[in-house]
Amino acid sequence: MEQKLIVSPSPHVHSGDTIEKNMYNVLIALIPAFLVSLYVFRLDALIITACAVLFCVGFEYLIVRYILKKTPTVTDGSAIITGVLLAFNVPSDLPLWILALGSLFAIGVVKLSFGGLGNNIFNPAIAGRIFMLISFPAQMTTWPVIADAAGTTDAVSSATVLGNLKLAPESLPSLQAMFLGTEAGSLGEMSALALLLGLLYLLWKKTITWHIPISIMATVALFTGILYIFDPITLYHPLIHLFSGGLMLGAIFMATDYVTSPMTRKGMLIYGVGIGFVTVAIRLWGAYPEGVSFAILLMNALTPLINNYTSPKRFGEVVKHG
């Protein structure tokens, strides 16, 4: 009998990964940072996070069901992650109507207008944060101080570490406080330790690879470290830049978004270096004290170009040389 070689389309081996599994792994990795936010901001953190999730899930369901006339996909977990990350990027006392507008922009404009999960060009949570920052700068840059022993938060606002870095470097908290998370800031950027625990979990579960987060943090440390060697002032201290602001939150949980980041390892490294470089440039010489969100959004736009130049050549493709 004639033997036939039958070749089926890829993938030939199933890894067992699903969208839902990866999304919920990310949510599990965010738990340490969420617990820190609850400890620091108490009930305010719970309210902001719960409302952001409800807004994102609700808007996605309503738009997909009644405007796009399709089967809602809120069970895949992507809308929940967008809500949590959006909450982690805002002050704990942000008015809920502003949070609702940011959620609508993130889900309705950035995600669903491009075709939904897998088609969006920009990270929805990042774009939603920038929308709120540009539209409502006063509310997005007013930070309540941490909760006192009685569990209440002071109504008097305080500047973030990055805000004081240029204006009042003598008032900066200790590196230990930045690492553990006891200074003013957005909900999810408080504790570098909690975010690193999330990174270890994601690497253990192989939900992400090390290329993007490590290349971002290494670039920031190297860039500021070189400046610090030549001019050892507080503004250039590499550990302050690593432990403060939204660097680790963005590097670990938002820059690594499957849809808006490069596919190849070489591309991921280029992408990460670009985010790190732009972040430091904005922090040191830009009008805003924080630059992670703008850096990620910029590199999201460059991802198709990076993919084009780093994707492996197809077998049998003729390569033209100049």
C-alpha atoms as a PDB file:
ATOM      1  CA  MET A   1       0.000   0.000   0.000  1.00  0.00           C
ATOM      2  CA  GLU A   2       1.287   3.423  -0.903  1.00  0.00           C
ATOM      3  CA  GLN A   3       2.412   5.424   2.118  1.00  0.00           C
ATOM      4  CA  LYS A   4       1.272   9.053   2.150  1.00  0.00           C
ATOM      5  CA  LEU A   5       2.824  11.849   4.125  1.00  0.00           C
ATOM      6  CA  ILE A   6       0.032  13.935   5.601  1.00  0.00           C
ATOM      7  CA  VAL A   7       0.966  17.362   6.905  1.00  0.00           C
ATOM      8  CA  SER A   8      -1.623  19.293   8.908  1.00  0.00           C
ATOM      9  CA  PRO A   9      -1.619  23.036   9.559  1.00  0.00           C
ATOM     10  CA  SER A  10       0.149  24.360  12.652  1.00  0.00           C
ATOM     11  CA  PRO A  11       0.088  24.325  15.595  1.00  0.00           C
ATOM     12  CA  HIS A  12       1.132  20.677  15.783  1.00  0.00           C
ATOM     13  CA  VAL A  13       1.525  20.556  19.561  1.00  0.00           C
ATOM     14  CA  HIS A  14      -0.982  22.252  21.849  1.00  0.00           C
ATOM     15  CA  SER A  15       0.521  23.917  24.871  1.00  0.00           C
ATOM     16  CA  GLY A  16      -2.715  24.033  26.842  1.00  0.00           C
ATOM     17  CA  ASP A  17      -2.654  27.827  27.023  1.00  0.00           C
ATOM     18  CA  THR A  18      -5.858  29.752  26.448  1.00  0.00           C
ATOM     19  CA  ILE A  19      -6.701  33.443  26.461  1.00  0.00           C
ATOM     20  CA  GLU A  20      -8.721  32.993  29.635  1.00  0.00           C
ATOM     21  CA  LYS A  21      -5.927  31.096  31.414  1.00  0.00           C
ATOM     22  CA  ASN A  22      -3.326  33.753  30.632  1.00  0.00           C
ATOM     23  CA  MET A  23      -5.664  36.598  31.562  1.00  0.00           C
ATOM     24  CA  TYR A  24      -6.476  35.106  34.931  1.00  0.00           C
ATOM     25  CA  ASN A  25      -2.787  34.416  35.582  1.00  0.00           C
ATOM     26  CA  VAL A  26      -2.211  38.141  35.141  1.00  0.00           C
ATOM     27  CA  LEU A  27      -5.008  38.874  37.613  1.00  0.00           C
ATOM     28  CA  ILE A  28      -3.440  36.523  40.148  1.00  0.00           C
ATOM     29  CA  ALA A  29      -0.092  38.263  39.664  1.00  0.00           C
ATOM     30  CA  LEU A  30      -1.757  41.607  40.444  1.00  0.00           C
ATOM     31  CA  ILE A  31      -3.030  40.417  43.845  1.00  0.00           C
ATOM     32  CA  PRO A  32       0.074  41.452  45.870  1.00  0.00           C
ATOM     33  CA  ALA A  33      -0.087  45.008  44.501  1.00  0.00           C
ATOM     34  CA  PHE A  34      -3.834  45.115  45.197  1.00  0.00           C
ATOM     35  CA  LEU A  35      -3.306  44.004  48.797  1.00  0.00           C
ATOM     36  CA  VAL A  36      -0.749  46.783  49.289  1.00  0.00           C
ATOM     37  CA  SER A  37      -3.198  49.338  47.884  1.00  0.00           C
ATOM     38  CA  LEU A  38      -5.859  48.089  50.323  1.00  0.00           C
ATOM     39  CA  TYR A  39      -3.433  48.432  53.222  1.00  0.00           C
ATOM     40  CA  VAL A  40      -2.409  51.949  52.180  1.00  0.00           C
ATOM     41  CA  PHE A  41      -5.711  53.427  50.976  1.00  0.00           C
ATOM     42  CA  ARG A  42      -8.251  51.135  52.674  1.00  0.00           C
ATOM     43  CA  LEU A  43     -11.815  51.351  51.355  1.00  0.00           C
ATOM     44  CA  ASP A  44     -10.952  53.922  48.681  1.00  0.00           C
ATOM     45  CA  ALA A  45      -8.764  51.386  46.874  1.00  0.00           C
ATOM     46  CA  LEU A  46     -11.525  48.774  46.908  1.00  0.00           C
ATOM     47  CA  ILE A  47     -14.122  51.218  45.593  1.00  0.00           C
ATOM     48  CA  ILE A  48     -11.937  52.538  42.763  1.00  0.00           C
ATOM     49  CA  THR A  49     -10.865  49.046  41.642  1.00  0.00           C
ATOM     50  CA  ALA A  50     -14.340  47.536  41.826  1.00  0.00           C
ATOM     51  CA  CYS A  51     -15.913  50.447  39.948  1.00  0.00           C
ATOM     52  CA  ALA A  52     -13.231  50.418  37.231  1.00  0.00           C
ATOM     53  CA  VAL A  53     -13.816  46.706  36.638  1.00  0.00           C
ATOM     54  CA  LEU A  54     -17.602  47.162  36.578  1.00  0.00           C
ATOM     55  CA  PHE A  55     -17.318  50.087  34.155  1.00  0.00           C
ATOM     56  CA  CYS A  56     -15.009  48.235  31.747  1.00  0.00           C
ATOM     57  CA  VAL A  57     -16.944  44.971  31.812  1.00  0.00           C
ATOM     58  CA  GLY A  58     -20.284  46.794  31.544  1.00  0.00           C
ATOM     59  CA  PHE A  59     -19.225  49.003  28.639  1.00  0.00           C
ATOM     60  CA  GLU A  60     -17.757  46.049  26.744  1.00  0.00           C
ATOM     61  CA  TYR A  61     -20.920  43.985  27.208  1.00  0.00           C
ATOM     62  CA  LEU A  62     -23.245  46.806  26.165  1.00  0.00           C
ATOM     63  CA  ILE A  63     -21.198  47.886  23.137  1.00  0.00           C
ATOM     64  CA  VAL A  64     -20.617  44.360  21.829  1.00  0.00           C
ATOM     65  CA  ARG A  65     -24.187  43.224  22.509  1.00  0.00           C
ATOM     66  CA  TYR A  66     -26.211  46.239  21.385  1.00  0.00           C
ATOM     67  CA  ILE A  67     -23.979  48.271  19.039  1.00  0.00           C
ATOM     68  CA  LEU A  68     -21.783  45.672  17.352  1.00  0.00           C
ATOM     69  CA  LYS A  69     -24.566  43.052  17.530  1.00  0.00           C
ATOM     70  CA  LYS A  70     -22.171  40.257  18.467  1.00  0.00           C
ATOM     71  CA  THR A  71     -21.861  37.729  21.264  1.00  0.00           C
ATOM     72  CA  PRO A  72     -20.327  39.439  24.326  1.00  0.00           C
ATOM     73  CA  THR A  73     -16.794  38.303  25.182  1.00  0.00           C
ATOM     74  CA  VAL A  74     -16.469  39.670  28.699  1.00  0.00           C
ATOM     75  CA  THR A  75     -15.750  36.185  30.097  1.00  0.00           C
ATOM     76  CA  ASP A  76     -12.277  36.092  28.499  1.00  0.00           C
ATOM     77  CA  GLY A  77     -10.971  38.292  31.333  1.00  0.00           C
ATOM     78  CA  SER A  78      -9.470  41.045  29.164  1.00  0.00           C
ATOM     79  CA  ALA A  79     -12.023  43.673  30.225  1.00  0.00           C
ATOM     80  CA  ILE A  80     -11.428  42.789  33.877  1.00  0.00           C
ATOM     81  CA  ILE A  81      -7.679  43.271  33.469  1.00  0.00           C
ATOM     82  CA  THR A  82      -8.229  46.594  31.713  1.00  0.00           C
ATOM     83  CA  GLY A  83     -10.389  47.719  34.628  1.00  0.00           C
ATOM     84  CA  VAL A  84      -7.866  46.656  37.268  1.00  0.00           C
ATOM     85  CA  LEU A  85      -4.929  48.259  35.438  1.00  0.00           C
ATOM     86  CA  LEU A  86      -6.915  51.430  34.860  1.00  0.00           C
ATOM     87  CA  ALA A  87      -7.683  51.597  38.581  1.00  0.00           C
ATOM     88  CA  PHE A  88      -4.022  50.963  39.396  1.00  0.00           C
ATOM     89  CA  ASN A  89      -3.052  54.022  37.322  1.00  0.00           C
ATOM     90  CA  VAL A  90      -5.220  56.617  39.090  1.00  0.00           C
ATOM     91  CA  PRO A  91      -5.322  58.308  42.529  1.00  0.00           C
ATOM     92  CA  SER A  92      -7.444  56.604  45.170  1.00  0.00           C
ATOM     93  CA  ASP A  93      -9.758  59.635  45.442  1.00  0.00           C
ATOM     94  CA  LEU A  94     -10.422  60.109  41.723  1.00  0.00           C
ATOM     95  CA  PRO A  95     -14.085  61.069  41.074  1.00  0.00           C
ATOM     96  CA  LEU A  96     -15.939  58.032  39.747  1.00  0.00           C
ATOM     97  CA  TRP A  97     -17.435  59.897  36.800  1.00  0.00           C
ATOM     98  CA  ILE A  98     -13.914  60.585  35.500  1.00  0.00           C
ATOM     99  CA  LEU A  99     -13.075  56.904  35.951  1.00  0.00           C
ATOM    100  CA  ALA A 100     -16.220  56.004  33.990  1.00  0.00           C
ATOM    101  CA  LEU A 101     -15.173  58.256  31.100  1.00  0.00           C
ATOM    102  CA  GLY A 102     -11.691  56.766  31.109  1.00  0.00           C
ATOM    103  CA  SER A 103     -13.155  53.247  31.064  1.00  0.00           C
ATOM    104  CA  LEU A 104     -15.455  54.115  28.174  1.00  0.00           C
ATOM    105  CA  PHE A 105     -12.546  55.549  26.194  1.00  0.00           C
ATOM    106  CA  ALA A 106     -10.335  52.529  26.926  1.00  0.00           C
ATOM    107  CA  ILE A 107     -12.965  49.941  25.990  1.00  0.00           C
ATOM    108  CA  GLY A 108     -15.129  51.701  23.426  1.00  0.00           C
ATOM    109  CA  VAL A 109     -12.550  53.735  21.517  1.00  0.00           C
ATOM    110  CA  VAL A 110      -9.179  52.034  21.968  1.00  0.00           C
ATOM    111  CA  LYS A 111     -10.271  48.389  22.069  1.00  0.00           C
ATOM    112  CA  LEU A 112     -13.609  47.766  20.370  1.00  0.00           C
ATOM    113  CA  SER A 113     -13.429  50.397  17.621  1.00  0.00           C
ATOM    114  CA  PHE A 114     -10.409  48.503  16.235  1.00  0.00           C
ATOM    115  CA  GLY A 115     -12.229  45.169  16.305  1.00  0.00           C
ATOM    116  CA  GLY A 116     -11.830  44.012  19.888  1.00  0.00           C
ATOM    117  CA  LEU A 117      -9.227  41.829  21.572  1.00  0.00           C
ATOM    118  CA  GLY A 118      -6.400  40.961  19.215  1.00  0.00           C
ATOM    119  CA  ASN A 119      -6.944  43.927  16.904  1.00  0.00           C
ATOM    120  CA  ASN A 120      -6.327  46.985  19.079  1.00  0.00           C
ATOM    121  CA  ILE A 121      -3.191  48.953  18.249  1.00  0.00           C
ATOM    122  CA  PHE A 122      -2.709  50.539  21.677  1.00  0.00           C
ATOM    123  CA  ASN A 123      -2.959  49.147  25.188  1.00  0.00           C
ATOM    124  CA  PRO A 124      -6.470  50.140  26.386  1.00  0.00           C
ATOM    125  CA  ALA A 125      -5.512  50.795  30.016  1.00  0.00           C
ATOM    126  CA  ILE A 126      -2.544  52.976  29.043  1.00  0.00           C
ATOM    127  CA  ALA A 127      -4.599  54.940  26.523  1.00  0.00           C
ATOM    128  CA  GLY A 128      -7.407  55.376  29.056  1.00  0.00           C
ATOM    129  CA  ARG A 129      -4.982  56.736  31.646  1.00  0.00           C
ATOM    130  CA  ILE A 130      -3.465  59.215  29.189  1.00  0.00           C
ATOM    131  CA  PHE A 131      -6.957  60.315  28.132  1.00  0.00           C
ATOM    132  CA  MET A 132      -7.840  61.083  31.755  1.00  0.00           C
ATOM    133  CA  LEU A 133      -4.473  62.722  32.430  1.00  0.00           C
ATOM    134  CA  ILE A 134      -4.807  65.094  29.472  1.00  0.00           C
ATOM    135  CA  SER A 135      -8.526  65.775  30.013  1.00  0.00           C
ATOM    136  CA  PHE A 136      -8.477  66.100  33.815  1.00  0.00           C
ATOM    137  CA  PRO A 137      -4.882  66.956  34.814  1.00  0.00           C
ATOM    138  CA  ALA A 138      -5.756  68.439  38.211  1.00  0.00           C
ATOM    139  CA  GLN A 139      -7.728  65.412  39.405  1.00  0.00           C
ATOM    140  CA  MET A 140      -5.187  62.938  37.972  1.00  0.00           C
ATOM    141  CA  THR A 141      -2.209  64.597  39.676  1.00  0.00           C
ATOM    142  CA  THR A 142      -3.685  65.213  43.148  1.00  0.00           C
ATOM    143  CA  TRP A 143      -2.628  62.467  45.527  1.00  0.00           C
ATOM    144  CA  PRO A 144      -4.071  61.785  49.002  1.00  0.00           C
ATOM    145  CA  VAL A 145      -1.539  60.895  51.656  1.00  0.00           C
ATOM    146  CA  ILE A 146      -1.493  57.335  52.947  1.00  0.00           C
ATOM    147  CA  ALA A 147      -3.985  56.082  55.519  1.00  0.00           C
ATOM    148  CA  ASP A 148      -3.202  56.695  59.159  1.00  0.00           C
ATOM    149  CA  ALA A 149      -3.467  54.202  61.986  1.00  0.00           C
ATOM    150  CA  ALA A 150      -7.206  54.801  62.241  1.00  0.00           C
ATOM    151  CA  GLY A 151      -7.638  53.755  58.620  1.00  0.00           C
ATOM    152  CA  THR A 152      -8.512  57.169  57.226  1.00  0.00           C
ATOM    153  CA  THR A 153      -6.797  59.173  54.519  1.00  0.00           C
ATOM    154  CA  ASP A 154      -5.847  62.801  54.887  1.00  0.00           C
ATOM    155  CA  ALA A 155      -7.685  65.195  52.589  1.00  0.00           C
ATOM    156  CA  VAL A 156      -4.493  67.183  52.036  1.00  0.00           C
ATOM    157  CA  SER A 157      -2.772  66.121  48.838  1.00  0.00           C
ATOM    158  CA  SER A 158       0.874  65.228  48.627  1.00  0.00           C
ATOM    159  CA  ALA A 159       3.304  65.072  45.739  1.00  0.00           C
ATOM    160  CA  THR A 160       4.585  61.777  44.392  1.00  0.00           C
ATOM    161  CA  VAL A 161       8.226  60.767  44.539  1.00  0.00           C
ATOM    162  CA  LEU A 162       8.736  61.761  40.907  1.00  0.00           C
ATOM    163  CA  GLY A 163       6.947  65.051  41.512  1.00  0.00           C
ATOM    164  CA  ASN A 164       9.354  65.876  44.342  1.00  0.00           C
ATOM    165  CA  LEU A 165      12.384  64.562  42.477  1.00  0.00           C
ATOM    166  CA  LYS A 166      12.774  67.809  40.534  1.00  0.00           C
ATOM    167  CA  LEU A 167      11.103  70.252  42.922  1.00  0.00           C
ATOM    168  CA  ALA A 168      12.053  69.074  46.408  1.00  0.00           C
ATOM    169  CA  PRO A 169      14.559  66.185  46.339  1.00  0.00           C
ATOM    170  CA  GLU A 170      15.303  66.689  50.032  1.00  0.00           C
ATOM    171  CA  SER A 171      11.775  65.539  50.916  1.00  0.00           C
ATOM    172  CA  LEU A 172      12.003  62.165  49.179  1.00  0.00           C
ATOM    173  CA  PRO A 173      11.186  59.048  51.235  1.00  0.00           C
ATOM    174  CA  SER A 174      13.811  56.388  51.813  1.00  0.00           C
ATOM    175  CA  LEU A 175      14.567  53.747  49.195  1.00  0.00           C
ATOM    176  CA  GLN A 176      13.102  51.181  51.598  1.00  0.00           C
ATOM    177  CA  ALA A 177       9.801  53.082  51.708  1.00  0.00           C
ATOM    178  CA  MET A 178       9.725  53.223  47.899  1.00  0.00           C
ATOM    179  CA  PHE A 179      10.498  49.519  47.626  1.00  0.00           C
ATOM    180  CA  LEU A 180       7.859  48.444  50.143  1.00  0.00           C
ATOM    181  CA  GLY A 181       5.230  51.012  49.121  1.00  0.00           C
ATOM    182  CA  THR A 182       4.429  53.622  51.756  1.00  0.00           C
ATOM    183  CA  GLU A 183       4.570  56.812  49.690  1.00  0.00           C
ATOM    184  CA  ALA A 184       1.939  58.726  47.730  1.00  0.00           C
ATOM    185  CA  GLY A 185       1.036  57.589  44.232  1.00  0.00           C
ATOM    186  CA  SER A 186      -1.443  55.673  42.104  1.00  0.00           C
ATOM    187  CA  LEU A 187      -3.041  52.540  43.534  1.00  0.00           C
ATOM    188  CA  GLY A 188      -0.947  49.939  41.754  1.00  0.00           C
ATOM    189  CA  GLU A 189       2.441  51.631  41.651  1.00  0.00           C
ATOM    190  CA  MET A 190       2.965  51.821  45.392  1.00  0.00           C
ATOM    191  CA  SER A 191       5.114  48.774  46.114  1.00  0.00           C
ATOM    192  CA  ALA A 192       7.991  47.662  43.901  1.00  0.00           C
ATOM    193  CA  LEU A 193       8.243  44.487  45.977  1.00  0.00           C
ATOM    194  CA  ALA A 194       4.611  43.530  45.310  1.00  0.00           C
ATOM    195  CA  LEU A 195       5.028  44.129  41.579  1.00  0.00           C
ATOM    196  CA  LEU A 196       8.221  42.058  41.459  1.00  0.00           C
ATOM    197  CA  LEU A 197       6.369  39.193  43.147  1.00  0.00           C
ATOM    198  CA  GLY A 198       3.814  39.450  40.352  1.00  0.00           C
ATOM    199  CA  LEU A 199       6.634  39.337  37.787  1.00  0.00           C
ATOM    200  CA  LEU A 200       8.064  36.176  39.329  1.00  0.00           C
ATOM    201  CA  TYR A 201       4.644  34.519  39.203  1.00  0.00           C
ATOM    202  CA  LEU A 202       4.136  35.410  35.533  1.00  0.00           C
ATOM    203  CA  LEU A 203       7.605  34.106  34.640  1.00  0.00           C
ATOM    204  CA  TRP A 204       6.976  30.916  36.617  1.00  0.00           C
ATOM    205  CA  LYS A 205       3.695  30.335  34.799  1.00  0.00           C
ATOM    206  CA  LYS A 206       5.368  31.298  31.489  1.00  0.00           C
ATOM    207  CA  THR A 207       2.598  33.801  30.870  1.00  0.00           C
ATOM    208  CA  ILE A 208       5.245  36.301  29.766  1.00  0.00           C
ATOM    209  CA  THR A 209       8.971  36.149  29.047  1.00  0.00           C
ATOM    210  CA  TRP A 210      11.674  38.227  30.696  1.00  0.00           C
ATOM    211  CA  HIS A 211      12.637  40.174  27.580  1.00  0.00           C
ATOM    212  CA  ILE A 212      10.313  43.184  27.821  1.00  0.00           C
ATOM    213  CA  PRO A 213      10.212  43.918  31.581  1.00  0.00           C
ATOM    214  CA  ILE A 214      13.908  43.289  32.154  1.00  0.00           C
ATOM    215  CA  SER A 215      15.002  45.281  29.094  1.00  0.00           C
ATOM    216  CA  ILE A 216      12.886  48.245  30.243  1.00  0.00           C
ATOM    217  CA  MET A 217      14.225  48.208  33.800  1.00  0.00           C
ATOM    218  CA  ALA A 218      17.808  47.566  32.671  1.00  0.00           C
ATOM    219  CA  THR A 219      17.650  50.477  30.214  1.00  0.00           C
ATOM    220  CA  VAL A 220      16.312  52.848  32.879  1.00  0.00           C
ATOM    221  CA  ALA A 221      18.972  51.710  35.366  1.00  0.00           C
ATOM    222  CA  LEU A 222      21.784  51.967  32.798  1.00  0.00           C
ATOM    223  CA  PHE A 223      20.688  55.351  31.390  1.00  0.00           C
ATOM    224  CA  THR A 224      20.253  57.006  34.789  1.00  0.00           C
ATOM    225  CA  GLY A 225      23.284  55.174  36.185  1.00  0.00           C
ATOM    226  CA  ILE A 226      25.571  56.667  33.545  1.00  0.00           C
ATOM    227  CA  LEU A 227      24.207  60.143  34.273  1.00  0.00           C
ATOM    228  CA  TYR A 228      24.640  59.525  38.009  1.00  0.00           C
ATOM    229  CA  ILE A 229      28.301  58.560  37.556  1.00  0.00           C
ATOM    230  CA  PHE A 230      29.091  61.848  35.835  1.00  0.00           C
ATOM    231  CA  ASP A 231      26.805  63.971  38.029  1.00  0.00           C
ATOM    232  CA  PRO A 232      25.844  62.180  41.302  1.00  0.00           C
ATOM    233  CA  ILE A 233      22.710  64.148  42.173  1.00  0.00           C
ATOM    234  CA  THR A 234      19.423  62.750  43.456  1.00  0.00           C
ATOM    235  CA  LEU A 235      17.675  63.444  40.138  1.00  0.00           C
ATOM    236  CA  TYR A 236      19.780  60.779  38.426  1.00  0.00           C
ATOM    237  CA  HIS A 237      19.744  58.090  41.131  1.00  0.00           C
ATOM    238  CA  PRO A 238      18.911  54.829  39.276  1.00  0.00           C
ATOM    239  CA  LEU A 239      17.214  53.087  42.221  1.00  0.00           C
ATOM    240  CA  ILE A 240      14.837  56.012  42.711  1.00  0.00           C
ATOM    241  CA  HIS A 241      13.779  55.747  39.076  1.00  0.00           C
ATOM    242  CA  LEU A 242      13.327  51.979  39.347  1.00  0.00           C
ATOM    243  CA  PHE A 243      11.343  51.960  42.603  1.00  0.00           C
ATOM    244  CA  SER A 244       9.142  55.038  42.059  1.00  0.00           C
ATOM    245  CA  GLY A 245       6.298  55.925  39.746  1.00  0.00           C
ATOM    246  CA  GLY A 246       4.652  53.496  37.390  1.00  0.00           C
ATOM    247  CA  LEU A 247       7.819  52.007  35.906  1.00  0.00           C
ATOM    248  CA  MET A 248       7.425  48.475  37.243  1.00  0.00           C
ATOM    249  CA  LEU A 249       3.658  48.429  36.838  1.00  0.00           C
ATOM    250  CA  GLY A 250       4.017  49.471  33.206  1.00  0.00           C
ATOM    251  CA  ALA A 251       7.021  47.258  32.456  1.00  0.00           C
ATOM    252  CA  ILE A 252       5.520  44.090  33.943  1.00  0.00           C
ATOM    253  CA  PHE A 253       1.800  44.346  33.300  1.00  0.00           C
ATOM    254  CA  MET A 254       1.163  46.774  30.427  1.00  0.00           C
ATOM    255  CA  ALA A 255       4.165  46.772  28.122  1.00  0.00           C
ATOM    256  CA  THR A 256       3.912  42.972  27.981  1.00  0.00           C
ATOM    257  CA  ASP A 257       0.406  43.006  26.497  1.00  0.00           C
ATOM    258  CA  TYR A 258       0.382  40.288  23.818  1.00  0.00           C
ATOM    259  CA  VAL A 259      -1.547  42.310  21.259  1.00  0.00           C
ATOM    260  CA  THR A 260       0.433  45.553  21.352  1.00  0.00           C
ATOM    261  CA  SER A 261       3.992  44.242  21.868  1.00  0.00           C
ATOM    262  CA  PRO A 262       6.386  42.635  19.352  1.00  0.00           C
ATOM    263  CA  MET A 263       6.257  38.920  18.626  1.00  0.00           C
ATOM    264  CA  THR A 264       9.966  38.097  18.372  1.00  0.00           C
ATOM    265  CA  ARG A 265      12.508  38.111  21.185  1.00  0.00           C
ATOM    266  CA  LYS A 266      14.753  40.515  19.300  1.00  0.00           C
ATOM    267  CA  GLY A 267      11.768  42.784  18.733  1.00  0.00           C
ATOM    268  CA  MET A 268      10.845  42.605  22.418  1.00  0.00           C
ATOM    269  CA  LEU A 269      14.321  43.768  23.404  1.00  0.00           C
ATOM    270  CA  ILE A 270      14.204  46.692  20.962  1.00  0.00           C
ATOM    271  CA  TYR A 271      10.721  47.555  22.223  1.00  0.00           C
ATOM    272  CA  GLY A 272      11.820  47.422  25.876  1.00  0.00           C
ATOM    273  CA  VAL A 273      14.930  49.530  25.313  1.00  0.00           C
ATOM    274  CA  GLY A 274      12.805  52.118  23.506  1.00  0.00           C
ATOM    275  CA  ILE A 275      10.316  52.306  26.384  1.00  0.00           C
ATOM    276  CA  GLY A 276      13.103  52.646  28.950  1.00  0.00           C
ATOM    277  CA  PHE A 277      14.897  55.380  27.005  1.00  0.00           C
ATOM    278  CA  VAL A 278      11.759  57.463  26.360  1.00  0.00           C
ATOM    279  CA  THR A 279      10.620  57.048  29.975  1.00  0.00           C
ATOM    280  CA  VAL A 280      13.861  58.480  31.357  1.00  0.00           C
ATOM    281  CA  ALA A 281      13.920  61.275  28.776  1.00  0.00           C
ATOM    282  CA  ILE A 282      10.423  62.421  29.757  1.00  0.00           C
ATOM    283  CA  ARG A 283      11.117  62.093  33.483  1.00  0.00           C
ATOM    284  CA  LEU A 284      14.302  64.141  33.342  1.00  0.00           C
ATOM    285  CA  TRP A 285      13.604  66.706  30.641  1.00  0.00           C
ATOM    286  CA  GLY A 286       9.866  66.586  29.899  1.00  0.00           C
ATOM    287  CA  ALA A 287       6.955  68.579  31.290  1.00  0.00           C
ATOM    288  CA  TYR A 288       5.459  65.537  33.060  1.00  0.00           C
ATOM    289  CA  PRO A 289       7.163  63.904  36.057  1.00  0.00           C
ATOM    290  CA  GLU A 290       6.188  60.437  34.776  1.00  0.00           C
ATOM    291  CA  GLY A 291       6.841  59.107  31.285  1.00  0.00           C
ATOM    292  CA  VAL A 292       6.058  55.369  31.331  1.00  0.00           C
ATOM    293  CA  SER A 293       2.558  55.662  29.865  1.00  0.00           C
ATOM    294  CA  PHE A 294       3.642  57.920  27.010  1.00  0.00           C
ATOM    295  CA  ALA A 295       6.651  55.698  26.297  1.00  0.00           C
ATOM    296  CA  ILE A 296       4.544  52.533  26.093  1.00  0.00           C
ATOM    297  CA  LEU A 297       1.964  54.231  23.870  1.00  0.00           C
ATOM    298  CA  LEU A 298       4.696  55.447  21.519  1.00  0.00           C
ATOM    299  CA  MET A 299       6.308  52.015  21.269  1.00  0.00           C
ATOM    300  CA  ASN A 300       2.849  50.426  20.746  1.00  0.00           C
ATOM    301  CA  ALA A 301       2.631  52.531  17.597  1.00  0.00           C
ATOM    302  CA  LEU A 302       6.064  51.287  16.486  1.00  0.00           C
ATOM    303  CA  THR A 303       5.313  47.602  17.167  1.00  0.00           C
ATOM    304  CA  PRO A 304       4.185  46.792  13.574  1.00  0.00           C
ATOM    305  CA  LEU A 305       7.420  48.311  12.268  1.00  0.00           C
ATOM    306  CA  ILE A 306       9.496  46.354  14.787  1.00  0.00           C
ATOM    307  CA  ASN A 307       7.681  43.137  13.836  1.00  0.00           C
ATOM    308  CA  ASN A 308       8.310  43.820  10.164  1.00  0.00           C
ATOM    309  CA  TYR A 309      12.070  44.158  10.626  1.00  0.00           C
ATOM    310  CA  THR A 310      12.601  41.399  13.201  1.00  0.00           C
ATOM    311  CA  SER A 311      10.304  38.641  11.934  1.00  0.00           C
ATOM    312  CA  PRO A 312      12.206  35.596  10.600  1.00  0.00           C
ATOM    313  CA  LYS A 313      12.280  35.092   6.843  1.00  0.00           C
ATOM    314  CA  ARG A 314       9.879  32.533   5.447  1.00  0.00           C
ATOM    315  CA  PHE A 315      11.444  29.311   4.175  1.00  0.00           C
ATOM    316  CA  GLY A 316      12.222  29.642   0.492  1.00  0.00           C
ATOM    317  CA  GLU A 317      11.868  33.428   0.444  1.00  0.00           C
ATOM    318  CA  VAL A 318      14.285  35.190  -1.874  1.00  0.00           C
ATOM    319  CA  VAL A 319      16.254  37.871  -0.049  1.00  0.00           C
ATOM    320  CA  LYS A 320      17.288  40.765  -2.257  1.00  0.00           C
ATOM    321  CA  HIS A 321      20.631  42.332  -1.513  1.00  0.00           C
ATOM    322  CA  GLY A 322      21.422  45.881  -2.454  1.00  0.00           C
END
